[in-house]
Amino acid sequence: MATASLSEQQWVKSSYSGNGGSCVEWAPHTATATGIVPVRDSKNTTGPVLSIPATAFSAFVTGVKSGDLGTV
């Protein structure tokens, strides 16, 4: 199954992003099709994209939601 290039993906802003400008976006359709979660900075949409295995991304989100990763 061919997937669209990352620039053609429908990017979704994190529901945890506030109005402070520190936002991330991800492309769920790519994650579903490939098992890789693309993540980028919403302020720099032409900048680099992190490609994270879906299992690692899921573990990260679970850790954030549960508070296991602490705060900065």
PDB file of N, CA and C in Angstrom:
ATOM      1  N   MET A   1       0.844  -1.184   0.000  1.00  0.00           N
ATOM      2  CA  MET A   1       0.000   0.000   0.000  1.00  0.00           C
ATOM      3  C   MET A   1       0.889   1.247   0.000  1.00  0.00           C
ATOM      4  N   ALA A   2       0.743   2.096  -0.966  1.00  0.00           N
ATOM      5  CA  ALA A   2       1.546   3.315  -1.034  1.00  0.00           C
ATOM      6  C   ALA A   2       0.944   4.361  -0.114  1.00  0.00           C
ATOM      7  N   THR A   3       1.826   5.113   0.542  1.00  0.00           N
ATOM      8  CA  THR A   3       1.358   6.197   1.396  1.00  0.00           C
ATOM      9  C   THR A   3       1.831   7.515   0.813  1.00  0.00           C
ATOM     10  N   ALA A   4       1.132   8.580   1.116  1.00  0.00           N
ATOM     11  CA  ALA A   4       1.509   9.906   0.643  1.00  0.00           C
ATOM     12  C   ALA A   4       2.787  10.352   1.326  1.00  0.00           C
ATOM     13  N   SER A   5       3.499  11.262   0.676  1.00  0.00           N
ATOM     14  CA  SER A   5       4.705  11.791   1.298  1.00  0.00           C
ATOM     15  C   SER A   5       4.305  12.543   2.569  1.00  0.00           C
ATOM     16  N   LEU A   6       5.282  12.744   3.444  1.00  0.00           N
ATOM     17  CA  LEU A   6       4.977  13.411   4.716  1.00  0.00           C
ATOM     18  C   LEU A   6       4.401  14.806   4.510  1.00  0.00           C
ATOM     19  N   SER A   7       4.832  15.497   3.459  1.00  0.00           N
ATOM     20  CA  SER A   7       4.297  16.844   3.223  1.00  0.00           C
ATOM     21  C   SER A   7       2.830  16.802   2.823  1.00  0.00           C
ATOM     22  N   GLU A   8       2.358  15.659   2.325  1.00  0.00           N
ATOM     23  CA  GLU A   8       0.966  15.516   1.901  1.00  0.00           C
ATOM     24  C   GLU A   8       0.075  14.919   2.984  1.00  0.00           C
ATOM     25  N   GLN A   9       0.638  14.562   4.104  1.00  0.00           N
ATOM     26  CA  GLN A   9      -0.131  13.935   5.177  1.00  0.00           C
ATOM     27  C   GLN A   9      -1.051  14.928   5.863  1.00  0.00           C
ATOM     28  N   GLN A  10      -2.073  14.402   6.486  1.00  0.00           N
ATOM     29  CA  GLN A  10      -2.935  15.221   7.329  1.00  0.00           C
ATOM     30  C   GLN A  10      -2.319  15.199   8.722  1.00  0.00           C
ATOM     31  N   TRP A  11      -1.761  16.317   9.115  1.00  0.00           N
ATOM     32  CA  TRP A  11      -1.100  16.423  10.417  1.00  0.00           C
ATOM     33  C   TRP A  11      -2.121  16.842  11.468  1.00  0.00           C
ATOM     34  N   VAL A  12      -1.993  16.291  12.671  1.00  0.00           N
ATOM     35  CA  VAL A  12      -2.906  16.562  13.775  1.00  0.00           C
ATOM     36  C   VAL A  12      -2.094  17.122  14.938  1.00  0.00           C
ATOM     37  N   LYS A  13      -2.571  18.232  15.495  1.00  0.00           N
ATOM     38  CA  LYS A  13      -1.881  18.839  16.633  1.00  0.00           C
ATOM     39  C   LYS A  13      -2.225  18.073  17.904  1.00  0.00           C
ATOM     40  N   SER A  14      -1.261  17.909  18.755  1.00  0.00           N
ATOM     41  CA  SER A  14      -1.474  17.213  20.018  1.00  0.00           C
ATOM     42  C   SER A  14      -2.590  17.864  20.813  1.00  0.00           C
ATOM     43  N   SER A  15      -3.441  17.040  21.407  1.00  0.00           N
ATOM     44  CA  SER A  15      -4.525  17.574  22.239  1.00  0.00           C
ATOM     45  C   SER A  15      -3.985  18.185  23.527  1.00  0.00           C
ATOM     46  N   TYR A  16      -2.731  17.910  23.859  1.00  0.00           N
ATOM     47  CA  TYR A  16      -2.107  18.462  25.054  1.00  0.00           C
ATOM     48  C   TYR A  16      -1.407  19.787  24.777  1.00  0.00           C
ATOM     49  N   SER A  17      -1.366  20.204  23.518  1.00  0.00           N
ATOM     50  CA  SER A  17      -0.713  21.459  23.165  1.00  0.00           C
ATOM     51  C   SER A  17      -1.590  22.620  23.588  1.00  0.00           C
ATOM     52  N   GLY A  18      -0.979  23.574  24.258  1.00  0.00           N
ATOM     53  CA  GLY A  18      -1.708  24.768  24.671  1.00  0.00           C
ATOM     54  C   GLY A  18      -1.492  25.877  23.671  1.00  0.00           C
ATOM     55  N   ASN A  19      -1.788  27.076  24.063  1.00  0.00           N
ATOM     56  CA  ASN A  19      -1.596  28.227  23.189  1.00  0.00           C
ATOM     57  C   ASN A  19      -0.225  28.858  23.368  1.00  0.00           C
ATOM     58  N   GLY A  20       0.666  28.207  24.095  1.00  0.00           N
ATOM     59  CA  GLY A  20       1.987  28.767  24.350  1.00  0.00           C
ATOM     60  C   GLY A  20       2.972  28.589  23.222  1.00  0.00           C
ATOM     61  N   GLY A  21       2.587  27.908  22.153  1.00  0.00           N
ATOM     62  CA  GLY A  21       3.464  27.748  21.009  1.00  0.00           C
ATOM     63  C   GLY A  21       4.357  26.524  21.062  1.00  0.00           C
ATOM     64  N   SER A  22       4.317  25.773  22.149  1.00  0.00           N
ATOM     65  CA  SER A  22       5.126  24.550  22.248  1.00  0.00           C
ATOM     66  C   SER A  22       4.276  23.362  21.826  1.00  0.00           C
ATOM     67  N   CYS A  23       4.113  23.208  20.525  1.00  0.00           N
ATOM     68  CA  CYS A  23       3.180  22.204  20.037  1.00  0.00           C
ATOM     69  C   CYS A  23       3.876  21.173  19.162  1.00  0.00           C
ATOM     70  N   VAL A  24       3.359  19.973  19.191  1.00  0.00           N
ATOM     71  CA  VAL A  24       3.811  18.933  18.278  1.00  0.00           C
ATOM     72  C   VAL A  24       2.618  18.446  17.467  1.00  0.00           C
ATOM     73  N   GLU A  25       2.927  17.928  16.289  1.00  0.00           N
ATOM     74  CA  GLU A  25       1.908  17.357  15.419  1.00  0.00           C
ATOM     75  C   GLU A  25       2.354  15.952  15.038  1.00  0.00           C
ATOM     76  N   TRP A  26       1.378  15.121  14.715  1.00  0.00           N
ATOM     77  CA  TRP A  26       1.684  13.777  14.244  1.00  0.00           C
ATOM     78  C   TRP A  26       0.749  13.440  13.102  1.00  0.00           C
ATOM     79  N   ALA A  27       1.126  12.427  12.306  1.00  0.00           N
ATOM     80  CA  ALA A  27       0.333  12.027  11.147  1.00  0.00           C
ATOM     81  C   ALA A  27      -0.236  10.630  11.388  1.00  0.00           C
ATOM     82  N   PRO A  28      -1.455  10.552  11.943  1.00  0.00           N
ATOM     83  CA  PRO A  28      -2.024   9.254  12.316  1.00  0.00           C
ATOM     84  C   PRO A  28      -2.229   8.297  11.147  1.00  0.00           C
ATOM     85  N   HIS A  29      -2.528   8.791   9.962  1.00  0.00           N
ATOM     86  CA  HIS A  29      -2.741   7.881   8.829  1.00  0.00           C
ATOM     87  C   HIS A  29      -1.453   7.172   8.442  1.00  0.00           C
ATOM     88  N   THR A  30      -0.338   7.870   8.525  1.00  0.00           N
ATOM     89  CA  THR A  30       0.951   7.231   8.254  1.00  0.00           C
ATOM     90  C   THR A  30       1.242   6.192   9.328  1.00  0.00           C
ATOM     91  N   ALA A  31       0.955   6.525  10.564  1.00  0.00           N
ATOM     92  CA  ALA A  31       1.195   5.586  11.668  1.00  0.00           C
ATOM     93  C   ALA A  31       0.389   4.306  11.470  1.00  0.00           C
ATOM     94  N   THR A  32      -0.850   4.442  11.069  1.00  0.00           N
ATOM     95  CA  THR A  32      -1.704   3.277  10.852  1.00  0.00           C
ATOM     96  C   THR A  32      -1.199   2.426   9.686  1.00  0.00           C
ATOM     97  N   ALA A  33      -0.780   3.073   8.628  1.00  0.00           N
ATOM     98  CA  ALA A  33      -0.365   2.354   7.419  1.00  0.00           C
ATOM     99  C   ALA A  33       1.019   1.719   7.535  1.00  0.00           C
ATOM    100  N   THR A  34       1.920   2.349   8.324  1.00  0.00           N
ATOM    101  CA  THR A  34       3.315   1.908   8.322  1.00  0.00           C
ATOM    102  C   THR A  34       3.831   1.402   9.657  1.00  0.00           C
ATOM    103  N   GLY A  35       3.140   1.719  10.747  1.00  0.00           N
ATOM    104  CA  GLY A  35       3.649   1.351  12.068  1.00  0.00           C
ATOM    105  C   GLY A  35       4.702   2.319  12.572  1.00  0.00           C
ATOM    106  N   ILE A  36       4.910   3.405  11.840  1.00  0.00           N
ATOM    107  CA  ILE A  36       5.853   4.453  12.229  1.00  0.00           C
ATOM    108  C   ILE A  36       5.060   5.732  12.463  1.00  0.00           C
ATOM    109  N   VAL A  37       5.307   6.396  13.592  1.00  0.00           N
ATOM    110  CA  VAL A  37       4.592   7.627  13.930  1.00  0.00           C
ATOM    111  C   VAL A  37       5.486   8.823  13.584  1.00  0.00           C
ATOM    112  N   PRO A  38       5.119   9.601  12.550  1.00  0.00           N
ATOM    113  CA  PRO A  38       5.868  10.811  12.245  1.00  0.00           C
ATOM    114  C   PRO A  38       5.438  11.937  13.192  1.00  0.00           C
ATOM    115  N   VAL A  39       6.421  12.627  13.758  1.00  0.00           N
ATOM    116  CA  VAL A  39       6.164  13.716  14.703  1.00  0.00           C
ATOM    117  C   VAL A  39       6.981  14.925  14.263  1.00  0.00           C
ATOM    118  N   ARG A  40       6.366  16.108  14.307  1.00  0.00           N
ATOM    119  CA  ARG A  40       7.089  17.330  13.930  1.00  0.00           C
ATOM    120  C   ARG A  40       6.677  18.491  14.827  1.00  0.00           C
ATOM    121  N   ASP A  41       7.458  19.546  14.767  1.00  0.00           N
ATOM    122  CA  ASP A  41       7.184  20.790  15.485  1.00  0.00           C
ATOM    123  C   ASP A  41       6.166  21.583  14.672  1.00  0.00           C
ATOM    124  N   SER A  42       5.050  21.944  15.280  1.00  0.00           N
ATOM    125  CA  SER A  42       4.003  22.653  14.540  1.00  0.00           C
ATOM    126  C   SER A  42       4.425  24.054  14.125  1.00  0.00           C
ATOM    127  N   LYS A  43       5.449  24.604  14.766  1.00  0.00           N
ATOM    128  CA  LYS A  43       5.928  25.937  14.395  1.00  0.00           C
ATOM    129  C   LYS A  43       6.890  25.880  13.217  1.00  0.00           C
ATOM    130  N   ASN A  44       7.401  24.689  12.899  1.00  0.00           N
ATOM    131  CA  ASN A  44       8.380  24.532  11.826  1.00  0.00           C
ATOM    132  C   ASN A  44       7.955  23.355  10.950  1.00  0.00           C
ATOM    133  N   THR A  45       6.883  23.550  10.196  1.00  0.00           N
ATOM    134  CA  THR A  45       6.288  22.448   9.446  1.00  0.00           C
ATOM    135  C   THR A  45       7.155  21.949   8.292  1.00  0.00           C
ATOM    136  N   THR A  46       8.149  22.696   7.893  1.00  0.00           N
ATOM    137  CA  THR A  46       9.067  22.232   6.848  1.00  0.00           C
ATOM    138  C   THR A  46      10.363  21.708   7.443  1.00  0.00           C
ATOM    139  N   GLY A  47      10.437  21.688   8.754  1.00  0.00           N
ATOM    140  CA  GLY A  47      11.639  21.212   9.441  1.00  0.00           C
ATOM    141  C   GLY A  47      11.680  19.702   9.540  1.00  0.00           C
ATOM    142  N   PRO A  48      12.582  19.202  10.362  1.00  0.00           N
ATOM    143  CA  PRO A  48      12.758  17.760  10.480  1.00  0.00           C
ATOM    144  C   PRO A  48      11.529  17.061  11.081  1.00  0.00           C
ATOM    145  N   VAL A  49      11.402  15.792  10.740  1.00  0.00           N
ATOM    146  CA  VAL A  49      10.325  14.942  11.246  1.00  0.00           C
ATOM    147  C   VAL A  49      10.964  13.758  11.951  1.00  0.00           C
ATOM    148  N   LEU A  50      10.540  13.504  13.177  1.00  0.00           N
ATOM    149  CA  LEU A  50      10.984  12.310  13.884  1.00  0.00           C
ATOM    150  C   LEU A  50      10.109  11.140  13.458  1.00  0.00           C
ATOM    151  N   SER A  51      10.726  10.003  13.193  1.00  0.00           N
ATOM    152  CA  SER A  51       9.987   8.790  12.831  1.00  0.00           C
ATOM    153  C   SER A  51      10.137   7.794  13.972  1.00  0.00           C
ATOM    154  N   ILE A  52       9.058   7.588  14.715  1.00  0.00           N
ATOM    155  CA  ILE A  52       9.101   6.795  15.939  1.00  0.00           C
ATOM    156  C   ILE A  52       8.269   5.524  15.754  1.00  0.00           C
ATOM    157  N   PRO A  53       8.828   4.359  16.102  1.00  0.00           N
ATOM    158  CA  PRO A  53       8.016   3.137  16.029  1.00  0.00           C
ATOM    159  C   PRO A  53       6.741   3.291  16.878  1.00  0.00           C
ATOM    160  N   ALA A  54       5.633   2.797  16.357  1.00  0.00           N
ATOM    161  CA  ALA A  54       4.347   2.969  17.035  1.00  0.00           C
ATOM    162  C   ALA A  54       4.355   2.419  18.455  1.00  0.00           C
ATOM    163  N   THR A  55       5.040   1.308  18.693  1.00  0.00           N
ATOM    164  CA  THR A  55       5.069   0.744  20.049  1.00  0.00           C
ATOM    165  C   THR A  55       5.801   1.672  21.023  1.00  0.00           C
ATOM    166  N   ALA A  56       6.878   2.300  20.565  1.00  0.00           N
ATOM    167  CA  ALA A  56       7.617   3.236  21.411  1.00  0.00           C
ATOM    168  C   ALA A  56       6.790   4.497  21.667  1.00  0.00           C
ATOM    169  N   PHE A  57       6.104   4.985  20.634  1.00  0.00           N
ATOM    170  CA  PHE A  57       5.276   6.178  20.789  1.00  0.00           C
ATOM    171  C   PHE A  57       4.138   5.912  21.761  1.00  0.00           C
ATOM    172  N   SER A  58       3.531   4.739  21.656  1.00  0.00           N
ATOM    173  CA  SER A  58       2.451   4.362  22.565  1.00  0.00           C
ATOM    174  C   SER A  58       2.936   4.308  24.011  1.00  0.00           C
ATOM    175  N   ALA A  59       4.114   3.726  24.227  1.00  0.00           N
ATOM    176  CA  ALA A  59       4.680   3.662  25.579  1.00  0.00           C
ATOM    177  C   ALA A  59       4.972   5.063  26.108  1.00  0.00           C
ATOM    178  N   PHE A  60       5.461   5.943  25.245  1.00  0.00           N
ATOM    179  CA  PHE A  60       5.732   7.324  25.644  1.00  0.00           C
ATOM    180  C   PHE A  60       4.447   8.039  26.069  1.00  0.00           C
ATOM    181  N   VAL A  61       3.402   7.940  25.252  1.00  0.00           N
ATOM    182  CA  VAL A  61       2.124   8.592  25.568  1.00  0.00           C
ATOM    183  C   VAL A  61       1.555   8.040  26.871  1.00  0.00           C
ATOM    184  N   THR A  62       1.620   6.735  27.067  1.00  0.00           N
ATOM    185  CA  THR A  62       1.144   6.119  28.307  1.00  0.00           C
ATOM    186  C   THR A  62       1.912   6.673  29.506  1.00  0.00           C
ATOM    187  N   GLY A  63       3.225   6.795  29.372  1.00  0.00           N
ATOM    188  CA  GLY A  63       4.050   7.336  30.456  1.00  0.00           C
ATOM    189  C   GLY A  63       3.736   8.784  30.768  1.00  0.00           C
ATOM    190  N   VAL A  64       3.482   9.585  29.748  1.00  0.00           N
ATOM    191  CA  VAL A  64       3.123  10.986  29.957  1.00  0.00           C
ATOM    192  C   VAL A  64       1.788  11.089  30.676  1.00  0.00           C
ATOM    193  N   LYS A  65       0.802  10.333  30.202  1.00  0.00           N
ATOM    194  CA  LYS A  65      -0.536  10.386  30.803  1.00  0.00           C
ATOM    195  C   LYS A  65      -0.531   9.932  32.245  1.00  0.00           C
ATOM    196  N   SER A  66       0.300   8.946  32.584  1.00  0.00           N
ATOM    197  CA  SER A  66       0.307   8.411  33.946  1.00  0.00           C
ATOM    198  C   SER A  66       1.195   9.219  34.887  1.00  0.00           C
ATOM    199  N   GLY A  67       1.997  10.142  34.322  1.00  0.00           N
ATOM    200  CA  GLY A  67       2.890  10.931  35.162  1.00  0.00           C
ATOM    201  C   GLY A  67       4.193  10.228  35.481  1.00  0.00           C
ATOM    202  N   ASP A  68       4.438   9.076  34.891  1.00  0.00           N
ATOM    203  CA  ASP A  68       5.652   8.298  35.164  1.00  0.00           C
ATOM    204  C   ASP A  68       6.920   8.978  34.675  1.00  0.00           C
ATOM    205  N   LEU A  69       6.804   9.929  33.761  1.00  0.00           N
ATOM    206  CA  LEU A  69       7.989  10.571  33.198  1.00  0.00           C
ATOM    207  C   LEU A  69       8.387  11.846  33.930  1.00  0.00           C
ATOM    208  N   GLY A  70       7.636  12.224  34.936  1.00  0.00           N
ATOM    209  CA  GLY A  70       7.947  13.410  35.711  1.00  0.00           C
ATOM    210  C   GLY A  70       7.618  14.690  34.950  1.00  0.00           C
ATOM    211  N   THR A  71       8.143  15.784  35.440  1.00  0.00           N
ATOM    212  CA  THR A  71       7.896  17.097  34.823  1.00  0.00           C
ATOM    213  C   THR A  71       9.218  17.832  34.677  1.00  0.00           C
ATOM    214  N   VAL A  72       9.189  18.853  33.867  1.00  0.00           N
ATOM    215  CA  VAL A  72      10.378  19.685  33.661  1.00  0.00           C
ATOM    216  C   VAL A  72      10.173  21.040  34.264  1.00  0.00           C
TER     217      VAL A  72
END
